[in-house]
Amino acid sequence: MRIIVFGANGPTGRLLVGQALAAGHDVVAVTRRPADFPLRHAQLTVFEGDVLQPDSVDTAIAGADAVLSALGVPFGKGEISTYSAGAAHIVAAMRRHEVRRVAVVSSSAVEPHAYSDGGFLFNRVLQPYVARVLGRTLYDDMRRMEALITATELDWTVVRPSGLYDLPAVTDYTVVAGHADHRFTARVDLAAALLRLAEQGSFVREVVGVVTTTDNPSMMQLLRQEAFGK
């Protein structure tokens, strides 16, 4: 299978590329900084491209069997359009080259729910602040991306992880249609779920939650790791 990975040079994207290569697939890793991409493999093409440039996206997608987007953008006060504009270019290129399978990473924060293990502080204070204040422009653009992707005739899946963190190996993670009642997702599990969606063609035209249920950090550990790099 020839798999195209957008956001390949991000933390989830690198894991996804590595897992896809280990599974024997041909992989095109799309990145604006190919010199910084750490992986080398006979079945890997590191493509210098930008999801915001339609010609670049078109060239990357030609000949694909599946397209996986692990794009990531930091929080910011200004308007964010990377997710929605990138999705528009990906959809146009897929239609042009008659590629049908696509899975895109979104976030559980685009549609916040209370979590049974979240407690008052997380459910009523922390999650609303992140979703509606700190990450408002980012999640607004993810919603636009989701609306664009889900309106197409493609074989799409929208993947909503919860709070992302790092683990050394894939766990017995959970994928469910709709909301997953758990607050954490290891990036290595998110990558594995994306690859499985490409390989198996499961959850077509569905929004899914991906969560890790073992070796979870505490909320303070997650904040230290992700916000402060400790």
C-alpha atoms as a PDB file:
ATOM      1  CA  MET A   1       0.000   0.000   0.000  1.00  0.00           C
ATOM      2  CA  ARG A   2       1.230   3.512  -0.837  1.00  0.00           C
ATOM      3  CA  ILE A   3       0.416   5.800   2.087  1.00  0.00           C
ATOM      4  CA  ILE A   4       0.781   9.584   2.041  1.00  0.00           C
ATOM      5  CA  VAL A   5       1.367  11.213   5.435  1.00  0.00           C
ATOM      6  CA  PHE A   6       0.796  14.938   5.932  1.00  0.00           C
ATOM      7  CA  GLY A   7       2.233  16.371   9.135  1.00  0.00           C
ATOM      8  CA  ALA A   8       4.920  13.703   8.831  1.00  0.00           C
ATOM      9  CA  ASN A   9       7.549  15.679  10.723  1.00  0.00           C
ATOM     10  CA  GLY A  10       5.399  16.175  13.814  1.00  0.00           C
ATOM     11  CA  PRO A  11       5.574  13.860  16.824  1.00  0.00           C
ATOM     12  CA  THR A  12       2.609  11.710  15.728  1.00  0.00           C
ATOM     13  CA  GLY A  13       3.572  11.858  12.070  1.00  0.00           C
ATOM     14  CA  ARG A  14       7.050  10.479  12.673  1.00  0.00           C
ATOM     15  CA  LEU A  15       5.622   7.580  14.664  1.00  0.00           C
ATOM     16  CA  LEU A  16       3.076   6.906  11.934  1.00  0.00           C
ATOM     17  CA  VAL A  17       5.707   6.876   9.197  1.00  0.00           C
ATOM     18  CA  GLY A  18       7.891   4.505  11.207  1.00  0.00           C
ATOM     19  CA  GLN A  19       5.016   2.130  11.907  1.00  0.00           C
ATOM     20  CA  ALA A  20       3.875   2.129   8.274  1.00  0.00           C
ATOM     21  CA  LEU A  21       7.390   1.329   7.068  1.00  0.00           C
ATOM     22  CA  ALA A  22       7.734  -1.456   9.642  1.00  0.00           C
ATOM     23  CA  ALA A  23       4.468  -2.902   8.287  1.00  0.00           C
ATOM     24  CA  GLY A  24       5.949  -3.022   4.772  1.00  0.00           C
ATOM     25  CA  HIS A  25       4.139  -0.090   3.154  1.00  0.00           C
ATOM     26  CA  ASP A  26       5.513   2.457   0.714  1.00  0.00           C
ATOM     27  CA  VAL A  27       5.311   5.822   2.466  1.00  0.00           C
ATOM     28  CA  VAL A  28       5.466   9.414   1.252  1.00  0.00           C
ATOM     29  CA  ALA A  29       6.287  11.700   4.190  1.00  0.00           C
ATOM     30  CA  VAL A  30       5.226  15.239   3.326  1.00  0.00           C
ATOM     31  CA  THR A  31       7.149  17.926   5.192  1.00  0.00           C
ATOM     32  CA  ARG A  32       8.261  21.499   4.624  1.00  0.00           C
ATOM     33  CA  ARG A  33      11.678  20.648   6.102  1.00  0.00           C
ATOM     34  CA  PRO A  34      12.890  17.381   4.547  1.00  0.00           C
ATOM     35  CA  ALA A  35      16.444  17.890   5.832  1.00  0.00           C
ATOM     36  CA  ASP A  36      15.075  17.682   9.397  1.00  0.00           C
ATOM     37  CA  PHE A  37      13.188  14.432   8.855  1.00  0.00           C
ATOM     38  CA  PRO A  38      14.993  11.743  10.885  1.00  0.00           C
ATOM     39  CA  LEU A  39      13.918   8.552   9.107  1.00  0.00           C
ATOM     40  CA  ARG A  40      15.533   6.889   6.107  1.00  0.00           C
ATOM     41  CA  HIS A  41      14.245   3.744   4.424  1.00  0.00           C
ATOM     42  CA  ALA A  42      14.208   2.125   1.000  1.00  0.00           C
ATOM     43  CA  GLN A  43      10.402   2.363   0.902  1.00  0.00           C
ATOM     44  CA  LEU A  44      10.272   5.965   2.139  1.00  0.00           C
ATOM     45  CA  THR A  45      10.014   9.083   0.010  1.00  0.00           C
ATOM     46  CA  VAL A  46      10.579  12.303   1.952  1.00  0.00           C
ATOM     47  CA  PHE A  47       8.668  14.856  -0.078  1.00  0.00           C
ATOM     48  CA  GLU A  48       9.275  18.582   0.320  1.00  0.00           C
ATOM     49  CA  GLY A  49       5.752  19.907   0.330  1.00  0.00           C
ATOM     50  CA  ASP A  50       3.314  22.216   2.045  1.00  0.00           C
ATOM     51  CA  VAL A  51      -0.317  21.336   2.687  1.00  0.00           C
ATOM     52  CA  LEU A  52      -1.186  24.998   2.082  1.00  0.00           C
ATOM     53  CA  GLN A  53       0.160  24.831  -1.500  1.00  0.00           C
ATOM     54  CA  PRO A  54      -2.348  23.012  -3.747  1.00  0.00           C
ATOM     55  CA  ASP A  55       0.180  22.090  -6.437  1.00  0.00           C
ATOM     56  CA  SER A  56       2.429  20.561  -3.808  1.00  0.00           C
ATOM     57  CA  VAL A  57      -0.435  18.532  -2.346  1.00  0.00           C
ATOM     58  CA  ASP A  58      -1.490  17.378  -5.801  1.00  0.00           C
ATOM     59  CA  THR A  59       1.992  16.063  -6.588  1.00  0.00           C
ATOM     60  CA  ALA A  60       2.303  14.294  -3.235  1.00  0.00           C
ATOM     61  CA  ILE A  61      -1.019  12.472  -3.543  1.00  0.00           C
ATOM     62  CA  ALA A  62      -0.590  11.166  -7.089  1.00  0.00           C
ATOM     63  CA  GLY A  63      -0.526   7.360  -6.996  1.00  0.00           C
ATOM     64  CA  ALA A  64      -1.706   7.059  -3.373  1.00  0.00           C
ATOM     65  CA  ASP A  65      -3.801   4.263  -1.921  1.00  0.00           C
ATOM     66  CA  ALA A  66      -4.556   6.165   1.299  1.00  0.00           C
ATOM     67  CA  VAL A  67      -3.969   9.645   2.699  1.00  0.00           C
ATOM     68  CA  LEU A  68      -3.400  10.202   6.422  1.00  0.00           C
ATOM     69  CA  SER A  69      -3.229  13.651   7.984  1.00  0.00           C
ATOM     70  CA  ALA A  70      -1.455  14.102  11.300  1.00  0.00           C
ATOM     71  CA  LEU A  71      -1.187  17.860  10.958  1.00  0.00           C
ATOM     72  CA  GLY A  72      -0.551  19.769  14.152  1.00  0.00           C
ATOM     73  CA  VAL A  73      -0.622  23.504  14.839  1.00  0.00           C
ATOM     74  CA  PRO A  74       0.200  25.212  18.152  1.00  0.00           C
ATOM     75  CA  PHE A  75      -2.371  27.270  20.014  1.00  0.00           C
ATOM     76  CA  GLY A  76      -2.442  30.926  19.045  1.00  0.00           C
ATOM     77  CA  LYS A  77      -4.586  34.017  19.469  1.00  0.00           C
ATOM     78  CA  GLY A  78      -4.759  34.696  15.743  1.00  0.00           C
ATOM     79  CA  GLU A  79      -6.977  32.946  13.251  1.00  0.00           C
ATOM     80  CA  ILE A  80      -5.849  29.467  12.231  1.00  0.00           C
ATOM     81  CA  SER A  81      -6.692  27.995   8.818  1.00  0.00           C
ATOM     82  CA  THR A  82      -4.106  25.230   8.343  1.00  0.00           C
ATOM     83  CA  TYR A  83      -6.502  22.373   9.052  1.00  0.00           C
ATOM     84  CA  SER A  84      -9.370  23.536   6.866  1.00  0.00           C
ATOM     85  CA  ALA A  85      -7.274  24.924   4.008  1.00  0.00           C
ATOM     86  CA  GLY A  86      -5.082  21.827   4.039  1.00  0.00           C
ATOM     87  CA  ALA A  87      -8.135  19.566   3.995  1.00  0.00           C
ATOM     88  CA  ALA A  88      -9.575  21.458   1.037  1.00  0.00           C
ATOM     89  CA  HIS A  89      -6.368  20.926  -0.932  1.00  0.00           C
ATOM     90  CA  ILE A  90      -6.179  17.256   0.056  1.00  0.00           C
ATOM     91  CA  VAL A  91      -9.787  16.619  -0.996  1.00  0.00           C
ATOM     92  CA  ALA A  92      -9.281  18.375  -4.345  1.00  0.00           C
ATOM     93  CA  ALA A  93      -6.144  16.350  -5.080  1.00  0.00           C
ATOM     94  CA  MET A  94      -7.784  13.081  -4.028  1.00  0.00           C
ATOM     95  CA  ARG A  95     -10.682  13.715  -6.368  1.00  0.00           C
ATOM     96  CA  ARG A  96      -8.336  14.581  -9.203  1.00  0.00           C
ATOM     97  CA  HIS A  97      -6.311  11.408  -8.749  1.00  0.00           C
ATOM     98  CA  GLU A  98      -9.299   9.198  -7.834  1.00  0.00           C
ATOM     99  CA  VAL A  99      -7.981   8.333  -4.361  1.00  0.00           C
ATOM    100  CA  ARG A 100     -10.740   7.493  -1.899  1.00  0.00           C
ATOM    101  CA  ARG A 101      -9.343   6.618   1.550  1.00  0.00           C
ATOM    102  CA  VAL A 102      -8.499   9.443   3.950  1.00  0.00           C
ATOM    103  CA  ALA A 103      -8.230   9.759   7.721  1.00  0.00           C
ATOM    104  CA  VAL A 104      -7.562  13.054   9.486  1.00  0.00           C
ATOM    105  CA  VAL A 105      -6.598  13.814  13.068  1.00  0.00           C
ATOM    106  CA  SER A 106      -8.916  16.226  14.866  1.00  0.00           C
ATOM    107  CA  SER A 107      -9.461  16.426  18.644  1.00  0.00           C
ATOM    108  CA  SER A 108     -11.998  15.443  21.275  1.00  0.00           C
ATOM    109  CA  ALA A 109     -11.978  19.129  22.262  1.00  0.00           C
ATOM    110  CA  VAL A 110     -13.963  20.126  19.165  1.00  0.00           C
ATOM    111  CA  GLU A 111     -17.015  18.627  20.879  1.00  0.00           C
ATOM    112  CA  PRO A 112     -16.283  18.678  24.625  1.00  0.00           C
ATOM    113  CA  HIS A 113     -17.972  16.132  26.884  1.00  0.00           C
ATOM    114  CA  ALA A 114     -17.789  15.525  30.584  1.00  0.00           C
ATOM    115  CA  TYR A 115     -15.605  12.521  31.447  1.00  0.00           C
ATOM    116  CA  SER A 116     -16.631  10.048  34.127  1.00  0.00           C
ATOM    117  CA  ASP A 117     -13.088  10.097  35.533  1.00  0.00           C
ATOM    118  CA  GLY A 118     -12.542  13.827  34.977  1.00  0.00           C
ATOM    119  CA  GLY A 119     -13.806  15.305  38.201  1.00  0.00           C
ATOM    120  CA  PHE A 120     -15.069  18.827  38.776  1.00  0.00           C
ATOM    121  CA  LEU A 121     -11.770  20.641  38.106  1.00  0.00           C
ATOM    122  CA  PHE A 122     -11.178  18.979  34.733  1.00  0.00           C
ATOM    123  CA  ASN A 123     -14.776  18.910  33.475  1.00  0.00           C
ATOM    124  CA  ARG A 124     -15.881  22.343  34.670  1.00  0.00           C
ATOM    125  CA  VAL A 125     -12.667  24.404  34.662  1.00  0.00           C
ATOM    126  CA  LEU A 126      -9.699  23.024  32.736  1.00  0.00           C
ATOM    127  CA  GLN A 127     -11.448  21.532  29.719  1.00  0.00           C
ATOM    128  CA  PRO A 128     -13.686  24.573  29.061  1.00  0.00           C
ATOM    129  CA  TYR A 129     -10.681  26.907  29.363  1.00  0.00           C
ATOM    130  CA  VAL A 130      -8.610  24.921  26.871  1.00  0.00           C
ATOM    131  CA  ALA A 131     -11.475  24.351  24.426  1.00  0.00           C
ATOM    132  CA  ARG A 132     -13.054  27.814  24.528  1.00  0.00           C
ATOM    133  CA  VAL A 133     -10.193  30.171  25.382  1.00  0.00           C
ATOM    134  CA  LEU A 134      -6.657  28.831  24.980  1.00  0.00           C
ATOM    135  CA  GLY A 135      -7.418  26.731  21.896  1.00  0.00           C
ATOM    136  CA  ARG A 136     -10.484  28.490  20.538  1.00  0.00           C
ATOM    137  CA  THR A 137      -9.101  29.451  17.113  1.00  0.00           C
ATOM    138  CA  LEU A 138      -7.432  26.072  16.656  1.00  0.00           C
ATOM    139  CA  TYR A 139     -10.549  24.056  17.473  1.00  0.00           C
ATOM    140  CA  ASP A 140     -12.703  26.355  15.355  1.00  0.00           C
ATOM    141  CA  ASP A 141     -10.518  25.474  12.387  1.00  0.00           C
ATOM    142  CA  MET A 142     -10.643  21.775  13.227  1.00  0.00           C
ATOM    143  CA  ARG A 143     -14.441  22.052  13.130  1.00  0.00           C
ATOM    144  CA  ARG A 144     -14.208  23.626   9.674  1.00  0.00           C
ATOM    145  CA  MET A 145     -11.908  20.781   8.604  1.00  0.00           C
ATOM    146  CA  GLU A 146     -14.335  18.183   9.914  1.00  0.00           C
ATOM    147  CA  ALA A 147     -17.272  19.837   8.161  1.00  0.00           C
ATOM    148  CA  LEU A 148     -15.383  19.912   4.877  1.00  0.00           C
ATOM    149  CA  ILE A 149     -14.179  16.303   5.079  1.00  0.00           C
ATOM    150  CA  THR A 150     -17.484  14.825   6.237  1.00  0.00           C
ATOM    151  CA  ALA A 151     -19.391  16.532   3.417  1.00  0.00           C
ATOM    152  CA  THR A 152     -17.389  14.685   0.758  1.00  0.00           C
ATOM    153  CA  GLU A 153     -18.085  11.430  -1.042  1.00  0.00           C
ATOM    154  CA  LEU A 154     -14.657  10.101  -0.027  1.00  0.00           C
ATOM    155  CA  ASP A 155     -14.082   7.137   2.282  1.00  0.00           C
ATOM    156  CA  TRP A 156     -13.209   9.405   5.209  1.00  0.00           C
ATOM    157  CA  THR A 157     -12.653   8.893   8.906  1.00  0.00           C
ATOM    158  CA  VAL A 158     -12.247  11.734  11.411  1.00  0.00           C
ATOM    159  CA  VAL A 159     -10.068  10.702  14.358  1.00  0.00           C
ATOM    160  CA  ARG A 160     -10.473  12.496  17.676  1.00  0.00           C
ATOM    161  CA  PRO A 161      -7.768  11.724  20.233  1.00  0.00           C
ATOM    162  CA  SER A 162      -7.919  13.033  23.787  1.00  0.00           C
ATOM    163  CA  GLY A 163      -5.002  14.603  25.689  1.00  0.00           C
ATOM    164  CA  LEU A 164      -1.842  13.567  23.852  1.00  0.00           C
ATOM    165  CA  TYR A 165       1.262  12.262  25.588  1.00  0.00           C
ATOM    166  CA  ASP A 166       4.197   9.938  24.876  1.00  0.00           C
ATOM    167  CA  LEU A 167       4.687   6.239  25.542  1.00  0.00           C
ATOM    168  CA  PRO A 168       7.459   4.005  24.209  1.00  0.00           C
ATOM    169  CA  ALA A 169       5.258   1.325  22.627  1.00  0.00           C
ATOM    170  CA  VAL A 170       1.753   0.696  21.307  1.00  0.00           C
ATOM    171  CA  THR A 171      -0.748  -0.386  23.961  1.00  0.00           C
ATOM    172  CA  ASP A 172      -4.086  -2.152  23.781  1.00  0.00           C
ATOM    173  CA  TYR A 173      -5.744   1.132  22.869  1.00  0.00           C
ATOM    174  CA  THR A 174      -9.462   1.633  22.213  1.00  0.00           C
ATOM    175  CA  VAL A 175     -11.174   2.980  19.098  1.00  0.00           C
ATOM    176  CA  VAL A 176     -14.906   3.675  19.244  1.00  0.00           C
ATOM    177  CA  ALA A 177     -17.402   5.427  17.026  1.00  0.00           C
ATOM    178  CA  GLY A 178     -18.305   8.789  18.537  1.00  0.00           C
ATOM    179  CA  HIS A 179     -17.156   9.929  21.958  1.00  0.00           C
ATOM    180  CA  ALA A 180     -14.615   7.847  23.903  1.00  0.00           C
ATOM    181  CA  ASP A 181     -14.990   8.306  27.659  1.00  0.00           C
ATOM    182  CA  HIS A 182     -11.307   8.636  28.513  1.00  0.00           C
ATOM    183  CA  ARG A 183      -9.062  11.668  28.788  1.00  0.00           C
ATOM    184  CA  PHE A 184      -5.732  10.508  27.354  1.00  0.00           C
ATOM    185  CA  THR A 185      -4.253   9.217  24.088  1.00  0.00           C
ATOM    186  CA  ALA A 186      -0.658   8.137  23.599  1.00  0.00           C
ATOM    187  CA  ARG A 187       0.745   9.406  20.306  1.00  0.00           C
ATOM    188  CA  VAL A 188       2.078   5.956  19.481  1.00  0.00           C
ATOM    189  CA  ASP A 189      -1.474   4.595  19.825  1.00  0.00           C
ATOM    190  CA  LEU A 190      -2.906   7.397  17.702  1.00  0.00           C
ATOM    191  CA  ALA A 191      -0.375   6.556  14.988  1.00  0.00           C
ATOM    192  CA  ALA A 192      -1.252   2.848  15.212  1.00  0.00           C
ATOM    193  CA  ALA A 193      -4.963   3.639  14.937  1.00  0.00           C
ATOM    194  CA  LEU A 194      -4.407   5.767  11.827  1.00  0.00           C
ATOM    195  CA  LEU A 195      -2.395   3.015  10.187  1.00  0.00           C
ATOM    196  CA  ARG A 196      -5.043   0.416  11.040  1.00  0.00           C
ATOM    197  CA  LEU A 197      -7.729   2.619   9.497  1.00  0.00           C
ATOM    198  CA  ALA A 198      -5.730   2.766   6.266  1.00  0.00           C
ATOM    199  CA  GLU A 199      -5.039  -0.959   6.227  1.00  0.00           C
ATOM    200  CA  GLN A 200      -8.446  -2.257   7.222  1.00  0.00           C
ATOM    201  CA  GLY A 201     -10.757   0.375   5.779  1.00  0.00           C
ATOM    202  CA  SER A 202     -12.767   0.354   8.995  1.00  0.00           C
ATOM    203  CA  PHE A 203     -14.992   3.125  10.403  1.00  0.00           C
ATOM    204  CA  VAL A 204     -15.642   4.573   6.949  1.00  0.00           C
ATOM    205  CA  ARG A 205     -17.593   7.857   7.096  1.00  0.00           C
ATOM    206  CA  GLU A 206     -17.480   7.885  10.878  1.00  0.00           C
ATOM    207  CA  VAL A 207     -16.030  10.113  13.570  1.00  0.00           C
ATOM    208  CA  VAL A 208     -14.076   7.986  16.039  1.00  0.00           C
ATOM    209  CA  GLY A 209     -12.428   8.478  19.405  1.00  0.00           C
ATOM    210  CA  VAL A 210      -9.021   6.929  20.114  1.00  0.00           C
ATOM    211  CA  VAL A 211      -7.956   6.556  23.754  1.00  0.00           C
ATOM    212  CA  THR A 212      -5.215   4.888  25.749  1.00  0.00           C
ATOM    213  CA  THR A 213      -6.436   3.142  28.873  1.00  0.00           C
ATOM    214  CA  THR A 214      -3.131   2.062  30.466  1.00  0.00           C
ATOM    215  CA  ASP A 215      -0.035   3.933  31.681  1.00  0.00           C
ATOM    216  CA  ASN A 216      -1.847   7.255  31.691  1.00  0.00           C
ATOM    217  CA  PRO A 217      -0.226  10.311  33.239  1.00  0.00           C
ATOM    218  CA  SER A 218      -1.868  12.436  35.876  1.00  0.00           C
ATOM    219  CA  MET A 219      -3.178  15.773  34.665  1.00  0.00           C
ATOM    220  CA  MET A 220      -0.223  17.556  36.287  1.00  0.00           C
ATOM    221  CA  GLN A 221       2.217  15.160  34.612  1.00  0.00           C
ATOM    222  CA  LEU A 222       0.550  15.782  31.265  1.00  0.00           C
ATOM    223  CA  LEU A 223       0.739  19.541  31.679  1.00  0.00           C
ATOM    224  CA  ARG A 224       4.409  19.384  32.690  1.00  0.00           C
ATOM    225  CA  GLN A 225       5.271  17.116  29.778  1.00  0.00           C
ATOM    226  CA  GLU A 226       3.295  18.851  27.040  1.00  0.00           C
ATOM    227  CA  ALA A 227       3.335  22.490  28.130  1.00  0.00           C
ATOM    228  CA  PHE A 228       6.758  22.699  29.747  1.00  0.00           C
ATOM    229  CA  GLY A 229       8.682  19.796  28.213  1.00  0.00           C
ATOM    230  CA  LYS A 230       9.586  18.226  31.580  1.00  0.00           C
END
